N, C-alpha and C. Protein backbone atom coordinates (compact mmCIF):
# COMPACT_ATOMS: atom_id res chain seq x y z
N UNK A 1 0.89 -1.53 0.34
CA UNK A 1 0.40 0.11 0.14
C UNK A 1 1.19 1.39 0.24
N UNK A 2 0.65 2.19 -1.31
CA UNK A 2 1.90 3.09 -0.76
C UNK A 2 0.68 4.63 0.25
N UNK A 3 1.93 5.69 0.47
CA UNK A 3 1.56 6.48 1.43
C UNK A 3 1.22 7.47 0.51
N UNK A 4 0.33 8.28 1.02
CA UNK A 4 0.51 9.76 0.52
C UNK A 4 0.91 10.33 1.14
N UNK A 5 1.20 11.56 0.25
CA UNK A 5 1.46 13.13 1.13
C UNK A 5 1.25 13.38 2.26
N UNK A 6 -0.23 13.76 1.57
CA UNK A 6 -1.34 13.82 2.96
C UNK A 6 -1.35 13.29 4.42
N UNK A 7 -0.78 11.75 4.17
CA UNK A 7 -0.76 10.98 5.27
C UNK A 7 0.42 11.19 5.78
N UNK A 8 1.26 11.69 5.16
CA UNK A 8 3.06 11.71 5.95
C UNK A 8 3.15 13.19 6.30
N UNK A 9 1.60 14.10 5.90
CA UNK A 9 1.61 15.71 6.70
C UNK A 9 0.58 15.58 7.98
N UNK A 10 -0.07 14.76 7.83
CA UNK A 10 -0.29 14.65 9.02
C UNK A 10 -0.28 13.49 10.53
N UNK A 11 0.73 13.25 10.06
CA UNK A 11 2.03 11.87 10.59
C UNK A 11 2.65 12.86 11.30
N UNK A 12 3.10 13.60 10.97
CA UNK A 12 4.60 14.75 11.04
C UNK A 12 3.35 15.96 11.93
N UNK A 13 2.24 16.02 11.98
CA UNK A 13 1.63 16.90 13.07
C UNK A 13 1.04 16.11 13.97
N UNK A 14 1.06 14.86 13.77
CA UNK A 14 0.61 14.45 14.89
C UNK A 14 1.70 13.84 15.89
N UNK A 15 2.92 13.73 15.46
CA UNK A 15 4.27 13.47 16.73
C UNK A 15 4.23 14.61 16.75
N UNK A 16 4.20 16.10 15.94
CA UNK A 16 4.64 16.93 16.59
C UNK A 16 3.62 17.46 18.09
N UNK A 17 4.07 17.64 19.06
CA UNK A 17 3.16 17.97 20.22
C UNK A 17 4.47 18.29 21.51
N UNK A 18 3.23 18.84 22.25
CA UNK A 18 3.72 19.61 23.38
C UNK A 18 3.15 19.20 25.21
N UNK A 19 4.04 18.87 26.27
CA UNK A 19 3.51 18.60 27.10
C UNK A 19 4.41 19.26 28.49
N UNK A 20 3.57 19.22 29.50
CA UNK A 20 4.36 20.08 30.60
C UNK A 20 3.71 19.45 31.98
N UNK A 21 4.78 19.01 33.12
CA UNK A 21 4.68 19.00 33.96
C UNK A 21 4.99 20.11 35.28
N UNK A 22 4.65 20.08 35.85
CA UNK A 22 4.97 21.61 36.75
C UNK A 22 5.17 22.74 36.15
N UNK A 23 6.92 22.86 36.53
CA UNK A 23 6.80 24.88 35.95
C UNK A 23 8.29 24.19 34.90
N UNK A 24 7.55 22.92 33.99
CA UNK A 24 8.83 22.38 33.24
C UNK A 24 8.48 22.32 31.54
N UNK A 25 8.00 22.59 30.66
CA UNK A 25 7.49 22.28 29.62
C UNK A 25 8.00 22.07 28.77
N UNK A 26 8.22 20.67 28.04
CA UNK A 26 8.69 20.06 26.89
C UNK A 26 7.47 20.10 25.16
N UNK A 27 8.22 20.26 24.41
CA UNK A 27 7.90 20.48 23.24
C UNK A 27 8.80 19.90 22.29
N UNK A 28 7.83 19.06 20.84
CA UNK A 28 8.72 18.37 20.30
C UNK A 28 8.53 18.57 18.84
N UNK A 29 9.27 18.65 17.89
CA UNK A 29 9.60 19.00 16.63
C UNK A 29 10.12 17.74 15.75
N UNK A 30 9.03 17.67 14.43
CA UNK A 30 9.46 16.58 13.77
C UNK A 30 10.13 17.27 12.36
N UNK A 31 11.20 17.25 11.76
CA UNK A 31 11.39 17.82 10.56
C UNK A 31 11.35 17.46 9.57
N UNK A 32 11.18 16.04 9.09
CA UNK A 32 11.53 14.95 8.34
C UNK A 32 11.19 12.90 8.50
N UNK A 33 10.51 12.83 8.01
CA UNK A 33 9.96 11.47 7.98
C UNK A 33 9.92 10.63 6.58
N UNK A 34 10.92 9.79 6.67
CA UNK A 34 10.28 8.41 5.07
C UNK A 34 10.44 7.90 5.39
N UNK A 35 9.76 6.58 4.76
CA UNK A 35 8.85 5.50 4.84
C UNK A 35 10.62 4.66 4.58
N UNK A 36 10.10 3.34 5.76
CA UNK A 36 11.21 1.71 5.29
C UNK A 36 10.94 2.10 4.07
N UNK A 37 11.81 1.14 2.93
CA UNK A 37 11.07 0.40 1.84
C UNK A 37 9.66 -0.93 1.78
N UNK A 38 9.33 -1.53 2.82
CA UNK A 38 9.03 -2.30 3.51
C UNK A 38 8.03 -1.65 3.31
N UNK A 39 8.08 -0.01 4.35
CA UNK A 39 6.39 0.18 4.23
C UNK A 39 6.37 -0.47 6.56
N UNK A 40 7.28 -0.99 6.95
CA UNK A 40 6.90 -1.73 8.00
C UNK A 40 6.76 -0.60 9.02
N UNK A 41 7.58 0.48 8.65
CA UNK A 41 7.79 1.85 9.79
C UNK A 41 8.35 3.11 9.21
N UNK A 42 9.14 3.82 9.89
CA UNK A 42 9.81 4.98 9.25
C UNK A 42 10.43 5.45 9.99
N UNK A 43 11.12 5.93 9.20
CA UNK A 43 12.49 6.82 10.24
C UNK A 43 12.03 8.58 9.93
N UNK A 44 12.42 8.88 11.22
CA UNK A 44 12.57 10.68 11.55
C UNK A 44 13.31 11.42 12.59
N UNK A 45 13.66 12.55 11.58
CA UNK A 45 14.38 13.80 12.62
C UNK A 45 12.97 14.12 13.54
N UNK A 46 13.70 13.85 14.98
CA UNK A 46 13.05 14.59 15.63
C UNK A 46 13.44 15.38 17.16
N UNK A 47 13.01 16.38 17.93
CA UNK A 47 13.61 17.29 18.27
C UNK A 47 13.25 17.17 19.94
N UNK A 48 13.15 17.28 20.73
CA UNK A 48 12.41 17.77 21.71
C UNK A 48 13.35 18.84 22.59
N UNK A 49 12.87 19.78 23.09
CA UNK A 49 12.92 20.95 23.68
C UNK A 49 12.69 21.02 24.84
N UNK A 50 12.85 21.26 26.15
CA UNK A 50 12.53 21.67 27.65
C UNK A 50 12.92 22.47 28.03
N UNK A 51 11.91 23.56 28.84
CA UNK A 51 12.20 24.55 28.88
C UNK A 51 11.66 24.95 30.97
N UNK A 52 12.24 24.97 31.14
CA UNK A 52 12.01 25.30 32.83
C UNK A 52 11.68 26.91 33.43
N UNK A 53 9.75 27.16 33.15
CA UNK A 53 9.50 28.07 33.55
C UNK A 53 9.49 28.89 34.89
N UNK A 54 10.39 28.86 35.43
CA UNK A 54 11.10 28.81 37.08
C UNK A 54 12.88 29.61 36.96
N UNK A 55 13.03 28.73 35.89
CA UNK A 55 14.38 29.81 36.29
C UNK A 55 15.06 30.37 34.10
N UNK A 56 13.94 29.58 33.50
CA UNK A 56 13.76 30.15 32.21
C UNK A 56 15.21 28.76 31.25
N UNK A 57 15.58 28.34 31.62
CA UNK A 57 16.54 27.69 31.17
C UNK A 57 16.04 26.51 30.66
N UNK A 58 16.65 26.77 29.20
CA UNK A 58 16.58 25.34 28.01
C UNK A 58 16.71 24.04 27.62
N UNK A 59 17.17 22.92 27.85
CA UNK A 59 17.98 21.84 26.41
C UNK A 59 17.03 21.40 25.79
N UNK A 60 18.18 21.22 24.41
CA UNK A 60 17.43 20.67 23.23
C UNK A 60 18.00 19.57 23.20
N UNK A 61 17.75 18.03 22.39
CA UNK A 61 17.93 16.93 22.05
C UNK A 61 17.05 16.73 20.92
N UNK A 62 17.80 16.37 20.13
CA UNK A 62 16.82 15.65 19.08
C UNK A 62 17.86 14.21 18.20
N UNK A 63 17.70 13.76 17.21
CA UNK A 63 18.05 13.29 16.60
C UNK A 63 17.49 11.98 15.82
N UNK A 64 17.70 10.81 14.91
CA UNK A 64 17.22 9.87 14.43
C UNK A 64 16.63 9.06 15.11
N UNK A 65 15.45 9.24 14.38
CA UNK A 65 14.54 8.02 15.59
C UNK A 65 13.75 6.74 14.74
N UNK A 66 13.01 5.70 14.96
CA UNK A 66 12.44 4.99 14.64
C UNK A 66 11.21 5.38 14.63
N UNK A 67 10.09 5.40 13.89
CA UNK A 67 8.59 5.91 13.91
C UNK A 67 7.86 4.15 13.63
N UNK A 68 6.80 4.01 14.54
CA UNK A 68 5.63 2.91 14.15
C UNK A 68 5.12 2.65 12.82
N UNK A 69 4.20 2.01 12.01
CA UNK A 69 2.93 2.04 10.99
C UNK A 69 2.27 2.67 11.43
N UNK A 70 1.90 2.91 13.13
CA UNK A 70 0.79 3.81 13.38
C UNK A 70 1.18 4.98 14.00
N UNK A 71 2.49 5.74 13.79
CA UNK A 71 3.15 6.75 14.02
C UNK A 71 3.36 7.33 16.05
N UNK A 72 4.13 6.00 15.93
CA UNK A 72 4.13 5.87 17.43
C UNK A 72 5.85 5.90 17.51
N UNK A 73 6.55 7.06 18.38
CA UNK A 73 8.27 6.80 18.19
C UNK A 73 8.60 6.17 19.28
N UNK A 74 9.67 5.43 18.52
CA UNK A 74 9.75 4.46 19.10
C UNK A 74 11.36 4.63 19.24
N UNK A 75 12.76 3.87 19.08
CA UNK A 75 14.03 4.14 19.97
C UNK A 75 14.94 5.19 19.15
N UNK A 76 16.07 5.76 19.89
CA UNK A 76 16.40 6.67 19.27
C UNK A 76 17.76 5.82 18.35
N UNK A 77 18.08 6.30 17.23
CA UNK A 77 19.29 5.55 17.17
C UNK A 77 20.26 6.33 17.53
N UNK A 78 21.09 5.15 18.63
CA UNK A 78 22.59 6.41 19.06
C UNK A 78 23.57 6.72 17.61
N UNK A 79 23.95 8.48 18.03
CA UNK A 79 24.81 8.95 17.77
C UNK A 79 25.79 9.88 18.23
N UNK A 80 26.69 10.17 18.05
CA UNK A 80 27.64 10.90 19.11
C UNK A 80 27.05 12.42 19.14
N UNK A 81 26.44 12.82 18.15
CA UNK A 81 25.23 13.75 18.06
C UNK A 81 24.59 13.70 18.83
N UNK A 82 23.57 15.05 19.54
CA UNK A 82 22.31 14.61 20.15
C UNK A 82 22.02 15.45 19.83
N UNK A 83 21.82 16.28 18.74
CA UNK A 83 21.21 17.96 18.56
C UNK A 83 20.90 18.06 17.15
N UNK A 84 19.26 18.33 16.78
CA UNK A 84 19.52 19.12 15.95
C UNK A 84 20.08 20.92 15.35
N UNK A 85 20.26 20.97 14.46
CA UNK A 85 21.20 22.58 14.31
C UNK A 85 20.18 22.85 13.39
N UNK A 86 19.29 24.04 13.80
CA UNK A 86 18.52 24.52 12.48
C UNK A 86 19.29 26.01 11.89
N UNK A 87 19.76 25.35 10.41
CA UNK A 87 20.48 26.35 9.61
C UNK A 87 20.21 26.67 8.62
N UNK A 88 19.06 26.47 8.27
CA UNK A 88 18.66 26.99 7.31
C UNK A 88 18.28 25.89 5.73
N UNK A 89 19.30 25.16 5.86
CA UNK A 89 19.62 24.01 5.11
C UNK A 89 18.73 23.00 5.70
N UNK A 90 17.91 21.82 4.76
CA UNK A 90 16.48 20.50 4.84
C UNK A 90 17.67 19.31 5.35
N UNK A 91 16.55 18.92 6.32
CA UNK A 91 17.19 17.91 6.61
C UNK A 91 16.86 16.62 6.05
N UNK A 92 18.21 15.97 5.41
CA UNK A 92 17.53 15.24 4.75
C UNK A 92 17.79 13.42 4.99
N UNK A 93 17.42 12.29 5.17
CA UNK A 93 17.41 11.15 5.27
C UNK A 93 17.02 10.80 4.04
N UNK A 94 18.39 9.56 3.63
CA UNK A 94 18.32 8.75 2.55
C UNK A 94 18.10 7.34 3.21
N UNK A 95 17.87 6.20 2.68
CA UNK A 95 17.14 4.92 3.04
C UNK A 95 17.89 4.63 1.92
N UNK A 96 18.61 2.87 2.10
CA UNK A 96 18.44 2.09 1.20
C UNK A 96 17.28 1.63 0.20
N UNK A 97 17.41 0.80 -0.89
CA UNK A 97 16.58 0.49 -0.54
C UNK A 97 16.13 -1.13 -0.42
N UNK A 98 17.30 -1.89 -0.14
CA UNK A 98 17.16 -2.68 1.11
C UNK A 98 17.03 -2.65 2.41
N UNK A 99 16.21 -1.24 2.31
CA UNK A 99 16.22 -1.15 4.23
C UNK A 99 17.24 -1.14 4.58
N UNK A 100 19.18 -1.48 4.84
CA UNK A 100 19.73 -1.60 5.29
C UNK A 100 20.69 -0.94 6.10
N UNK A 101 20.99 0.35 4.85
CA UNK A 101 21.46 1.42 5.49
C UNK A 101 20.47 2.76 5.09
N UNK A 102 20.75 3.33 6.24
CA UNK A 102 20.47 5.34 6.05
C UNK A 102 21.36 5.74 5.70
N UNK A 103 21.35 7.14 5.27
CA UNK A 103 22.71 8.32 5.38
C UNK A 103 21.99 9.77 5.69
N UNK A 104 22.21 10.00 6.68
CA UNK A 104 20.99 11.45 7.00
C UNK A 104 22.22 12.66 8.23
N UNK A 105 22.42 13.45 8.58
CA UNK A 105 22.73 15.24 9.13
C UNK A 105 22.06 14.74 10.63
N UNK A 106 23.42 14.90 11.18
CA UNK A 106 22.68 15.03 13.22
C UNK A 106 23.86 15.89 13.45
N UNK A 107 23.30 17.27 13.88
CA UNK A 107 24.63 18.43 13.96
C UNK A 107 25.09 18.82 12.79
N UNK A 108 26.50 18.33 13.73
CA UNK A 108 27.43 19.00 11.81
C UNK A 108 28.18 18.13 11.67
N UNK A 109 27.28 16.94 11.56
CA UNK A 109 28.14 15.12 10.98
C UNK A 109 27.10 15.23 9.90
N UNK A 110 27.61 14.64 9.03
CA UNK A 110 26.68 13.83 8.29
C UNK A 110 27.58 11.72 8.75
N UNK A 111 26.51 11.15 8.91
CA UNK A 111 26.06 9.63 9.50
C UNK A 111 25.92 8.70 8.32
N UNK A 112 26.83 7.97 8.50
CA UNK A 112 25.92 6.66 7.90
C UNK A 112 25.07 5.75 8.55
N UNK A 113 24.83 5.11 8.77
CA UNK A 113 23.64 4.23 10.02
C UNK A 113 22.93 2.79 9.03
N UNK A 114 23.42 1.91 9.92
CA UNK A 114 23.82 0.57 9.75
C UNK A 114 22.11 -0.08 11.04
N UNK A 115 20.71 -0.02 9.31
CA UNK A 115 20.43 -0.15 10.65
C UNK A 115 19.62 -1.45 10.74
N UNK A 116 20.14 -1.96 10.73
CA UNK A 116 20.22 -3.54 10.84
C UNK A 116 20.93 -3.85 12.54
N UNK A 117 21.53 -2.58 13.21
CA UNK A 117 22.22 -3.02 14.32
C UNK A 117 22.13 -1.62 14.97
N UNK A 118 21.47 -0.32 14.81
CA UNK A 118 21.17 0.73 14.72
C UNK A 118 22.21 1.38 15.73
N UNK A 119 23.88 1.12 14.26
CA UNK A 119 24.79 1.81 15.10
C UNK A 119 25.14 3.24 13.66
N UNK A 120 26.07 3.98 13.94
CA UNK A 120 25.70 4.72 13.45
C UNK A 120 27.81 5.31 13.04
N UNK A 121 27.94 5.63 11.62
CA UNK A 121 29.40 5.73 11.25
C UNK A 121 29.79 7.75 10.95
N UNK A 122 30.08 8.62 11.44
CA UNK A 122 30.60 9.56 10.94
C UNK A 122 31.65 9.45 9.42
N UNK A 123 31.07 9.89 9.09
CA UNK A 123 31.78 9.54 7.70
C UNK A 123 32.77 10.73 6.72
N UNK A 124 31.87 12.56 7.18
CA UNK A 124 31.71 13.77 6.51
C UNK A 124 31.28 14.73 7.67
N UNK A 125 32.28 15.05 8.30
CA UNK A 125 32.33 16.27 9.47
C UNK A 125 31.91 17.61 8.56
N UNK A 126 31.79 18.23 9.87
CA UNK A 126 31.47 20.08 9.43
C UNK A 126 31.21 20.15 7.90
N UNK A 127 29.81 19.27 7.62
CA UNK A 127 29.10 19.78 5.97
C UNK A 127 27.73 19.32 5.99
N UNK A 128 27.57 20.24 5.66
CA UNK A 128 25.93 20.51 5.51
C UNK A 128 25.30 19.60 4.46
N UNK A 129 24.71 18.36 5.03
CA UNK A 129 23.99 17.42 3.54
C UNK A 129 22.70 17.92 3.01
N UNK A 130 23.18 17.98 1.40
CA UNK A 130 22.03 18.55 0.43
C UNK A 130 21.58 17.28 -0.19
N UNK A 131 21.97 16.15 -0.24
CA UNK A 131 21.23 14.98 -1.28
C UNK A 131 21.78 14.13 -1.41
N UNK A 132 21.56 12.54 -1.43
CA UNK A 132 22.06 11.34 -1.77
C UNK A 132 21.47 10.82 -2.75
N UNK A 133 21.82 10.09 -3.76
CA UNK A 133 21.64 9.70 -4.82
C UNK A 133 20.48 8.46 -5.06
N UNK A 134 19.91 8.21 -5.85
CA UNK A 134 18.90 6.99 -5.34
C UNK A 134 19.25 5.22 -5.08
N UNK A 135 20.71 5.89 -5.96
CA UNK A 135 21.58 3.87 -4.91
C UNK A 135 22.13 4.06 -4.39
N UNK A 136 22.43 4.89 -3.52
CA UNK A 136 23.17 6.01 -2.63
C UNK A 136 24.98 5.49 -2.70
N UNK A 137 24.71 6.15 -4.28
CA UNK A 137 26.32 6.26 -4.69
C UNK A 137 26.97 7.28 -4.28
N UNK A 138 26.27 7.48 -4.49
CA UNK A 138 26.42 9.97 -4.71
C UNK A 138 26.13 10.99 -3.45
N UNK A 139 27.00 11.54 -2.37
CA UNK A 139 25.94 12.07 -1.36
C UNK A 139 26.49 13.69 -1.90
N UNK A 140 25.57 14.93 -2.25
CA UNK A 140 26.40 16.41 -2.04
C UNK A 140 26.10 16.81 -0.98
N UNK A 141 27.24 17.82 -0.48
CA UNK A 141 27.07 18.69 0.96
C UNK A 141 27.27 19.93 0.26
N UNK A 142 27.51 20.94 1.51
CA UNK A 142 27.68 22.51 2.13
C UNK A 142 28.73 22.48 1.93
N UNK A 143 30.05 22.75 3.05
CA UNK A 143 30.13 23.20 4.33
C UNK A 143 29.98 24.84 4.40
N UNK A 144 29.59 26.03 2.80
CA UNK A 144 29.18 27.41 2.95
C UNK A 144 28.18 27.72 4.14
N UNK A 145 28.16 28.95 4.90
CA UNK A 145 27.08 29.28 5.47
C UNK A 145 25.71 30.04 4.98
N UNK A 146 25.27 29.30 5.05
CA UNK A 146 23.63 29.63 4.65
C UNK A 146 23.63 31.62 4.88
N UNK A 147 23.40 31.88 3.68
CA UNK A 147 23.48 33.59 3.87
C UNK A 147 21.04 33.38 3.26
N UNK A 148 20.93 34.43 3.84
CA UNK A 148 18.85 34.72 3.36
C UNK A 148 19.67 35.89 2.14
N UNK A 149 18.59 35.17 0.96
CA UNK A 149 18.81 36.21 -0.56
C UNK A 149 18.49 38.02 0.44
N UNK A 150 19.18 38.28 -0.29
CA UNK A 150 19.37 39.85 -0.63
C UNK A 150 18.86 40.67 -2.20
N UNK A 151 18.00 40.90 -2.11
CA UNK A 151 17.06 41.39 -3.16
C UNK A 151 16.92 40.31 -4.39
N UNK A 152 16.88 38.78 -4.08
CA UNK A 152 16.21 38.34 -4.36
C UNK A 152 17.89 37.50 -5.16
N UNK A 153 19.11 37.61 -4.42
CA UNK A 153 20.08 37.06 -5.01
C UNK A 153 20.59 36.07 -4.15
N UNK A 154 21.24 35.00 -4.02
CA UNK A 154 22.51 34.68 -3.17
C UNK A 154 23.40 34.13 -3.77
N UNK A 155 24.56 34.33 -3.73
CA UNK A 155 25.57 34.60 -4.30
C UNK A 155 26.39 32.95 -4.47
N UNK A 156 27.43 32.58 -5.39
CA UNK A 156 27.48 31.19 -5.21
C UNK A 156 28.02 30.80 -4.46
N UNK A 157 28.11 29.22 -4.38
CA UNK A 157 28.43 28.70 -2.94
C UNK A 157 28.78 27.06 -3.82
N UNK A 158 30.50 26.79 -3.19
CA UNK A 158 30.58 25.82 -3.38
C UNK A 158 30.07 24.72 -2.88
N UNK A 159 29.79 23.21 -3.29
CA UNK A 159 29.29 22.47 -2.56
C UNK A 159 30.74 21.15 -3.23
N UNK A 160 29.83 19.57 -2.32
CA UNK A 160 31.54 18.48 -2.66
C UNK A 160 30.42 17.88 -3.15
N UNK A 161 30.70 16.67 -4.10
CA UNK A 161 29.88 15.67 -4.36
C UNK A 161 31.25 13.93 -3.67
N UNK A 162 30.37 13.41 -2.88
CA UNK A 162 31.53 12.70 -3.04
C UNK A 162 31.14 10.79 -3.27
N UNK A 163 31.28 10.45 -3.43
CA UNK A 163 31.40 8.58 -4.12
C UNK A 163 31.64 7.90 -2.27
N UNK A 164 30.41 7.66 -2.35
CA UNK A 164 29.98 6.82 -0.80
C UNK A 164 29.71 5.47 -0.52
N UNK A 165 30.19 4.78 -2.24
CA UNK A 165 29.93 3.88 -2.07
C UNK A 165 30.36 2.38 -1.31
N UNK A 166 32.27 3.30 -1.10
CA UNK A 166 32.94 2.21 -0.41
C UNK A 166 32.31 2.59 0.93
N UNK A 167 33.80 2.71 2.17
CA UNK A 167 33.75 2.75 3.82
C UNK A 167 34.14 4.19 3.88
N UNK A 168 35.10 4.26 2.82
CA UNK A 168 36.06 5.96 3.34
C UNK A 168 35.38 6.44 2.35
N UNK A 169 34.70 8.20 2.29
CA UNK A 169 33.71 8.45 1.15
C UNK A 169 34.53 9.36 -0.13
N UNK A 170 34.75 9.19 -0.76
CA UNK A 170 35.84 9.70 -1.99
C UNK A 170 35.76 10.68 -2.53
N UNK A 171 36.08 12.01 -2.56
CA UNK A 171 36.51 13.73 -2.49
C UNK A 171 35.95 13.43 -4.59
N UNK A 172 35.00 13.89 -5.22
CA UNK A 172 35.03 14.40 -7.08
C UNK A 172 35.74 15.03 -7.31
N UNK A 173 36.93 15.38 -8.21
CA UNK A 173 38.24 16.04 -9.12
C UNK A 173 37.30 17.16 -9.09
N UNK A 174 36.04 16.94 -9.80
CA UNK A 174 35.18 18.31 -9.73
C UNK A 174 34.49 18.66 -9.20
N UNK A 175 33.63 19.73 -8.68
CA UNK A 175 32.35 20.43 -7.73
C UNK A 175 32.39 21.26 -8.53
N UNK A 176 30.82 21.06 -8.56
CA UNK A 176 30.00 22.23 -8.41
C UNK A 176 29.64 23.63 -7.96
N UNK A 177 29.84 24.67 -8.59
CA UNK A 177 29.45 25.79 -7.93
C UNK A 177 27.76 26.21 -8.04
N UNK A 178 27.00 26.38 -6.88
CA UNK A 178 25.34 26.73 -6.99
C UNK A 178 25.35 28.32 -7.43
N UNK A 179 24.69 28.91 -7.62
CA UNK A 179 24.22 30.69 -7.77
C UNK A 179 23.03 30.68 -8.06
N UNK A 180 23.37 31.19 -6.62
CA UNK A 180 21.75 31.63 -6.15
C UNK A 180 20.88 30.64 -5.11
N UNK A 181 21.20 29.44 -4.72
CA UNK A 181 20.74 28.27 -3.64
C UNK A 181 20.89 28.64 -2.68
N UNK A 182 19.44 28.77 -2.23
CA UNK A 182 19.19 28.96 -1.04
C UNK A 182 19.20 27.97 0.34
N UNK A 183 18.06 27.84 0.11
CA UNK A 183 17.38 26.65 1.25
C UNK A 183 17.27 25.88 0.95
N UNK A 184 17.71 25.01 -0.71
CA UNK A 184 17.39 23.75 -1.21
C UNK A 184 18.25 22.68 -1.38
N UNK A 185 17.43 21.48 -1.29
CA UNK A 185 17.85 20.17 -1.82
C UNK A 185 18.04 19.37 -3.00
N UNK A 186 19.06 18.61 -3.21
CA UNK A 186 19.04 18.30 -4.66
C UNK A 186 18.50 17.64 -4.95
N UNK A 187 17.63 17.57 -6.03
CA UNK A 187 16.42 16.13 -7.00
C UNK A 187 17.56 15.82 -7.55
N UNK A 188 17.60 14.81 -7.20
CA UNK A 188 18.13 13.72 -8.11
C UNK A 188 17.26 13.25 -9.05
N UNK A 189 18.27 13.39 -10.24
CA UNK A 189 17.60 12.59 -11.52
C UNK A 189 17.97 10.63 -11.53
N UNK A 190 19.11 10.63 -11.42
CA UNK A 190 19.29 9.56 -11.32
C UNK A 190 20.80 9.40 -10.78
N UNK A 191 21.39 8.02 -10.94
CA UNK A 191 22.55 7.88 -9.95
C UNK A 191 23.46 9.60 -10.44
N UNK A 192 23.99 9.81 -11.74
CA UNK A 192 24.95 10.25 -12.02
C UNK A 192 24.25 12.05 -12.33
N UNK A 193 23.35 12.28 -12.22
CA UNK A 193 22.76 13.72 -12.24
C UNK A 193 21.85 14.36 -11.00
N UNK A 194 21.19 15.88 -11.29
CA UNK A 194 20.70 16.73 -9.84
C UNK A 194 20.42 17.34 -10.40
N UNK A 195 19.24 18.43 -10.12
CA UNK A 195 19.48 19.26 -10.06
C UNK A 195 18.85 20.19 -8.61
N UNK A 196 18.82 21.68 -8.52
CA UNK A 196 18.96 22.55 -8.43
C UNK A 196 18.17 23.48 -8.56
N UNK A 197 17.63 24.09 -7.90
CA UNK A 197 16.51 25.39 -8.38
C UNK A 197 17.28 26.63 -7.05
N UNK A 198 16.82 28.09 -8.01
CA UNK A 198 17.65 28.94 -7.61
C UNK A 198 17.87 29.73 -8.47
N UNK A 199 17.72 31.52 -7.65
CA UNK A 199 17.27 32.49 -8.27
C UNK A 199 19.09 33.18 -9.22
N UNK A 200 19.29 34.50 -9.72
CA UNK A 200 20.14 34.92 -10.16
C UNK A 200 19.99 36.41 -9.55
N UNK A 201 20.69 37.16 -10.19
CA UNK A 201 21.46 38.62 -9.81
C UNK A 201 20.06 39.39 -10.84
N UNK A 202 19.41 38.79 -12.11
CA UNK A 202 18.17 39.39 -12.14
C UNK A 202 16.94 39.41 -11.41
N UNK A 203 17.23 38.56 -10.36
CA UNK A 203 15.08 38.03 -9.93
C UNK A 203 14.55 36.76 -10.91
N UNK A 204 15.68 36.56 -11.62
CA UNK A 204 15.06 35.25 -12.47
C UNK A 204 15.10 33.65 -11.86
N UNK A 205 14.68 33.12 -11.67
CA UNK A 205 14.25 31.34 -10.73
C UNK A 205 14.98 30.80 -11.69
N UNK A 206 15.51 29.78 -11.97
CA UNK A 206 15.88 28.82 -12.74
C UNK A 206 15.87 27.45 -12.45
N UNK A 207 16.18 26.27 -13.34
CA UNK A 207 16.58 24.55 -12.13
C UNK A 207 17.57 24.32 -13.33
N UNK A 208 18.95 24.15 -12.52
CA UNK A 208 19.87 24.04 -13.07
C UNK A 208 19.88 22.53 -13.08
N UNK A 209 20.78 21.69 -14.34
CA UNK A 209 21.28 20.50 -14.19
C UNK A 209 22.72 20.17 -13.86
N UNK A 210 22.70 19.64 -13.47
CA UNK A 210 24.91 19.06 -12.84
C UNK A 210 25.06 18.00 -13.08
N UNK A 211 25.87 16.69 -13.48
CA UNK A 211 26.23 15.76 -14.36
C UNK A 211 27.61 15.38 -13.18
N UNK A 212 27.09 14.34 -12.31
CA UNK A 212 28.23 13.54 -11.02
C UNK A 212 29.68 13.84 -12.09
């Protein structure tokens, strides 16, 4: 049975919530949800923020969680990073077609997750994940700080394309420079090409296709 976009939207709204105990309030947000290939459940980026109404102190934790087919939040997959950094980049979760491997970003690092053992390996540090090719061979990321549109235009952004088919990511020799891209994610057309939408200095919006 295929799941529709409205189903995922309602699920995300249902997972997000707020609870309070005495002077402590805990809020929860879900920023990305993907189904596992066999549709037995999902993976989601979940963050919890707790605020003490008396002291005003806040704490935030989060990461990659397993979600049941009924929408119930299950176990968190252990990672060194236990926080989600909202920096205007999209949250991306890639799951391999066999359901055994996931790639996502938590904190400032990109992880490969073994879903059979619930273990995560930091494969790329200090990068923002923009997308993973359908077969899981290539990964595109950037370390460029996000800059809000000024006059409808955002300047060049150097990106990095890695071959992650082996144990150690291999940086490809040629890297694309994206113009006018602010908070977009890569739209992979196949394992060799991807697209980005962005604006130019004349405030025209375009879709540009790149080849790995």
